[in-house]
Amino acid sequence: MLERQLLWKNRAQAGQELIARLGSWHADPKGLVVGLPRGGVVVAAELARALTLPMCSWAVRKLAHPHAPEVAVGAIAPGGVLVWDEPYLRQLHLDPQLRRSLVLQADSELQRRQRIYGDPPLASLRDRHLLVVDDGVATGMTVTAALQSLRQGHPSRISLAVPVIDRTIAVRLRPLLDDLIALAEVDDLVAVGSWYESFDAVDDRQVQALMSACSAELASSAAKVHPTGRSDRI
């Protein structure tokens, strides 16, 4: 089966396999790898190291079904971006007050993540080439919110790189993108984790450690190119 041929050991291995599709990004002077926390940061770190690019995170938060936390009914992202799965919500009959409660709870966590992960200001994204990375896309809620949010920074290019994506969602996302790179586009993707042998939860410390390690490696690479310590990196 296709799933067995493309079942990755973990997020890091999936990121390593994506690298072969991204050669044109190597050392792009305007390039920036944008990992979507938390799992997307693990994949993004592999790309940032191999492509010799800086990396940042971009906090985005799922709005979960009140009685089924694993199900996304919407998402929020910086810049006041709010995305709802309206057809699904009409079936659930969620009242406006409950919707507001979900947004307030998610916004508090969103702001916390922005602080502790050190997300950049929107203004710093102007004219950049953004390579947005996640560990997989099933409903597309969080990725859609992230892309709409990032567009507010006026980058000159936005591409999305993911190991696996639902085929229908890929069609919906392409108008928001300059390029979509996926190792697998599949029908009826229910659970991204089913494509990994190990899909453990990623915590704040892991995200922070990956961000710090990538920053240190990039600085070391720049120092080797400019022994005096001067770097032309943005």
Protein backbone atom coordinates (compact mmCIF):
# COMPACT_ATOMS: atom_id res chain seq x y z
CA MET A 1 0.00 0.00 0.00
CA LEU A 2 1.03 3.62 -0.52
CA GLU A 3 0.92 4.27 3.22
CA ARG A 4 3.47 1.54 3.89
CA GLN A 5 5.82 2.81 1.19
CA LEU A 6 5.80 6.30 2.70
CA LEU A 7 5.47 5.60 6.41
CA TRP A 8 8.16 7.68 8.11
CA LYS A 9 9.97 6.66 11.25
CA ASN A 10 9.45 10.12 12.78
CA ARG A 11 9.12 13.80 11.91
CA ALA A 12 12.88 14.27 11.49
CA GLN A 13 13.06 11.53 8.86
CA ALA A 14 10.12 13.05 6.99
CA GLY A 15 11.96 16.39 6.97
CA GLN A 16 15.09 14.76 5.62
CA GLU A 17 13.11 13.27 2.74
CA LEU A 18 11.60 16.67 1.91
CA ILE A 19 15.05 18.18 1.46
CA ALA A 20 15.52 16.52 -1.94
CA ARG A 21 12.52 18.51 -3.26
CA LEU A 22 13.87 21.87 -2.05
CA GLY A 23 17.26 22.29 -3.67
CA SER A 24 16.40 25.71 -5.13
CA TRP A 25 15.99 27.07 -1.60
CA HIS A 26 19.57 26.37 -0.54
CA ALA A 27 21.19 29.48 1.00
CA ASP A 28 18.50 31.72 -0.50
CA PRO A 29 19.49 35.18 0.85
CA LYS A 30 15.84 36.07 1.37
CA GLY A 31 14.78 32.61 2.51
CA LEU A 32 13.22 31.92 5.90
CA VAL A 33 11.95 28.55 7.12
CA VAL A 34 8.74 29.00 9.13
CA GLY A 35 7.86 26.05 11.36
CA LEU A 36 4.29 25.73 12.64
CA PRO A 37 4.41 24.67 16.32
CA ARG A 38 4.73 22.34 17.62
CA GLY A 39 5.27 19.30 15.37
CA GLY A 40 6.02 21.37 12.29
CA VAL A 41 9.08 22.85 13.99
CA VAL A 42 10.70 19.40 14.15
CA VAL A 43 10.33 18.97 10.38
CA ALA A 44 11.35 22.59 9.75
CA ALA A 45 14.57 22.21 11.75
CA GLU A 46 15.77 19.47 9.39
CA LEU A 47 15.10 21.71 6.39
CA ALA A 48 16.71 24.79 7.92
CA ARG A 49 19.92 22.91 8.71
CA ALA A 50 20.24 21.27 5.30
CA LEU A 51 19.32 24.39 3.32
CA THR A 52 21.45 26.72 5.49
CA LEU A 53 18.51 29.01 6.15
CA PRO A 54 17.34 30.86 9.26
CA MET A 55 14.27 29.45 10.97
CA CYS A 56 11.47 30.91 13.03
CA SER A 57 8.22 29.60 14.43
CA TRP A 58 4.81 31.07 13.69
CA ALA A 59 2.25 30.42 16.38
CA VAL A 60 -1.14 29.24 15.19
CA ARG A 61 -3.78 27.65 17.37
CA LYS A 62 -6.46 25.10 16.60
CA LEU A 63 -10.00 25.76 17.80
CA ALA A 64 -11.03 22.37 19.06
CA HIS A 65 -14.43 20.73 19.18
CA PRO A 66 -15.61 21.25 22.79
CA HIS A 67 -16.33 17.53 23.26
CA ALA A 68 -13.64 16.12 20.93
CA PRO A 69 -10.36 18.03 21.42
CA GLU A 70 -8.64 16.23 18.56
CA VAL A 71 -11.16 17.63 16.02
CA ALA A 72 -10.49 21.11 14.59
CA VAL A 73 -13.49 23.36 14.01
CA GLY A 74 -11.36 26.41 13.27
CA ALA A 75 -8.05 28.15 13.97
CA ILE A 76 -6.59 31.50 14.94
CA ALA A 77 -3.29 33.14 14.01
CA PRO A 78 -1.50 36.45 14.62
CA GLY A 79 -2.93 39.58 13.07
CA GLY A 80 -6.48 38.83 14.13
CA VAL A 81 -6.89 35.91 11.72
CA LEU A 82 -9.85 33.67 12.54
CA VAL A 83 -10.88 30.71 10.39
CA TRP A 84 -13.97 28.56 11.00
CA ASP A 85 -15.12 25.34 9.39
CA GLU A 86 -18.57 26.81 8.81
CA PRO A 87 -20.26 23.77 7.20
CA TYR A 88 -19.18 21.58 10.11
CA LEU A 89 -20.18 24.18 12.69
CA ARG A 90 -23.67 24.39 11.24
CA GLN A 91 -24.01 20.68 11.95
CA LEU A 92 -22.78 21.14 15.53
CA HIS A 93 -25.07 24.10 16.25
CA LEU A 94 -22.40 25.87 18.31
CA ASP A 95 -23.87 29.05 19.73
CA PRO A 96 -22.01 32.39 19.41
CA GLN A 97 -21.13 32.50 23.10
CA LEU A 98 -19.38 29.13 22.93
CA ARG A 99 -17.51 30.24 19.83
CA ARG A 100 -16.26 33.34 21.65
CA SER A 101 -15.17 31.20 24.58
CA LEU A 102 -13.17 28.90 22.28
CA VAL A 103 -11.44 31.90 20.67
CA LEU A 104 -10.55 33.52 24.00
CA GLN A 105 -9.02 30.32 25.34
CA ALA A 106 -7.04 29.73 22.16
CA ASP A 107 -5.86 33.34 21.95
CA SER A 108 -4.32 33.14 25.41
CA GLU A 109 -2.29 30.08 24.37
CA LEU A 110 -1.41 31.69 21.03
CA GLN A 111 0.10 34.73 22.74
CA ARG A 112 2.00 32.54 25.18
CA ARG A 113 3.56 30.58 22.31
CA GLN A 114 4.51 33.75 20.46
CA ARG A 115 6.38 34.93 23.55
CA ILE A 116 8.24 31.78 24.47
CA TYR A 117 9.12 30.76 20.90
CA GLY A 118 10.23 34.26 19.92
CA ASP A 119 8.06 34.64 16.82
CA PRO A 120 9.21 37.55 14.63
CA PRO A 121 7.09 40.67 14.05
CA LEU A 122 5.03 40.75 10.87
CA ALA A 123 7.02 43.73 9.56
CA SER A 124 10.20 41.62 9.44
CA LEU A 125 8.62 39.31 6.83
CA ARG A 126 8.35 41.95 4.11
CA ASP A 127 9.88 40.79 0.81
CA ARG A 128 11.08 37.52 2.35
CA HIS A 129 10.76 34.08 0.75
CA LEU A 130 8.85 32.03 3.31
CA LEU A 131 9.05 28.24 3.38
CA VAL A 132 6.19 27.27 5.69
CA VAL A 133 6.51 23.79 7.19
CA ASP A 134 4.16 21.48 9.06
CA ASP A 135 4.24 17.76 9.83
CA GLY A 136 1.09 17.10 7.80
CA VAL A 137 -2.21 18.66 6.77
CA ALA A 138 -5.55 16.91 7.32
CA THR A 139 -8.28 19.55 7.80
CA GLY A 140 -6.20 22.54 6.70
CA MET A 141 -7.62 24.80 9.41
CA THR A 142 -4.35 25.76 11.13
CA VAL A 143 -2.36 26.00 7.91
CA THR A 144 -4.99 28.23 6.30
CA ALA A 145 -4.94 30.55 9.30
CA ALA A 146 -1.13 30.63 9.30
CA LEU A 147 -0.93 31.46 5.59
CA GLN A 148 -3.50 34.24 5.85
CA SER A 149 -1.60 35.64 8.82
CA LEU A 150 1.82 35.47 7.13
CA ARG A 151 0.46 37.24 4.03
CA GLN A 152 -0.15 40.28 6.22
CA GLY A 153 3.63 40.63 6.48
CA HIS A 154 3.86 41.13 2.68
CA PRO A 155 6.46 38.46 1.88
CA SER A 156 7.36 38.21 -1.79
CA ARG A 157 6.91 34.43 -1.83
CA ILE A 158 5.17 31.80 0.31
CA SER A 159 5.63 28.08 -0.22
CA LEU A 160 4.32 25.22 1.88
CA ALA A 161 6.36 22.06 2.47
CA VAL A 162 4.74 19.07 4.19
CA PRO A 163 5.32 15.32 4.23
CA VAL A 164 1.64 14.46 3.69
CA ILE A 165 -1.51 16.41 2.84
CA ASP A 166 -5.13 15.60 2.09
CA ARG A 167 -5.68 15.97 -1.66
CA THR A 168 -8.86 18.04 -1.33
CA ILE A 169 -7.20 20.41 1.14
CA ALA A 170 -4.22 20.79 -1.21
CA VAL A 171 -6.56 22.06 -3.91
CA ARG A 172 -8.02 24.62 -1.48
CA LEU A 173 -4.62 25.82 -0.30
CA ARG A 174 -2.89 26.26 -3.66
CA PRO A 175 -4.51 29.68 -4.37
CA LEU A 176 -2.88 30.93 -1.13
CA LEU A 177 0.57 29.70 -2.17
CA ASP A 178 3.29 30.25 -4.70
CA ASP A 179 4.26 26.59 -4.42
CA LEU A 180 3.17 23.46 -2.57
CA ILE A 181 5.72 20.71 -1.95
CA ALA A 182 4.39 17.45 -0.51
CA LEU A 183 5.84 13.95 -0.47
CA ALA A 184 2.32 12.50 -0.58
CA GLU A 185 -1.11 13.87 -1.51
CA VAL A 186 -3.73 11.37 -0.40
CA ASP A 187 -7.49 10.98 -0.31
CA ASP A 188 -9.39 11.21 2.97
CA LEU A 189 -6.48 11.91 5.32
CA VAL A 190 -8.04 11.47 8.74
CA ALA A 191 -4.98 11.41 11.02
CA VAL A 192 -1.54 12.78 10.14
CA GLY A 193 -0.04 10.60 12.88
CA SER A 194 -1.01 7.44 11.00
CA TRP A 195 1.78 8.22 8.52
CA TYR A 196 4.48 8.03 11.19
CA GLU A 197 5.79 5.10 13.17
CA SER A 198 6.48 7.53 16.04
CA PHE A 199 4.29 10.61 16.41
CA ASP A 200 4.94 11.65 19.99
CA ALA A 201 3.71 14.98 21.31
CA VAL A 202 6.24 17.80 21.05
CA ASP A 203 6.57 20.08 24.08
CA ASP A 204 7.75 23.67 24.55
CA ARG A 205 11.25 22.66 25.62
CA GLN A 206 11.78 20.64 22.45
CA VAL A 207 10.64 23.54 20.28
CA GLN A 208 12.91 25.99 22.09
CA ALA A 209 15.86 23.60 21.90
CA LEU A 210 15.41 23.12 18.16
CA MET A 211 15.12 26.86 17.57
CA SER A 212 18.29 27.53 19.57
CA ALA A 213 20.24 24.74 17.87
CA CYS A 214 19.33 25.94 14.38
CA SER A 215 20.26 29.51 15.25
CA ALA A 216 23.63 28.39 16.60
CA GLU A 217 24.37 26.23 13.55
CA LEU A 218 23.51 29.07 11.18
CA ALA A 219 25.77 31.46 13.09
CA SER A 220 28.58 28.89 12.95
CA SER A 221 28.14 28.48 9.19
CA ALA A 222 28.22 32.25 8.70
CA ALA A 223 31.38 32.54 10.79
CA LYS A 224 33.11 29.98 8.57
CA VAL A 225 32.20 31.97 5.47
CA HIS A 226 33.25 35.26 7.13
CA PRO A 227 36.15 34.43 9.52
CA THR A 228 36.14 38.01 10.82
CA GLY A 229 32.71 37.36 12.29
CA ARG A 230 30.87 39.48 9.74
CA SER A 231 27.75 37.91 8.25
CA ASP A 232 25.66 39.07 5.32
CA ARG A 233 22.65 37.09 6.51
CA ILE A 234 19.46 38.96 7.20
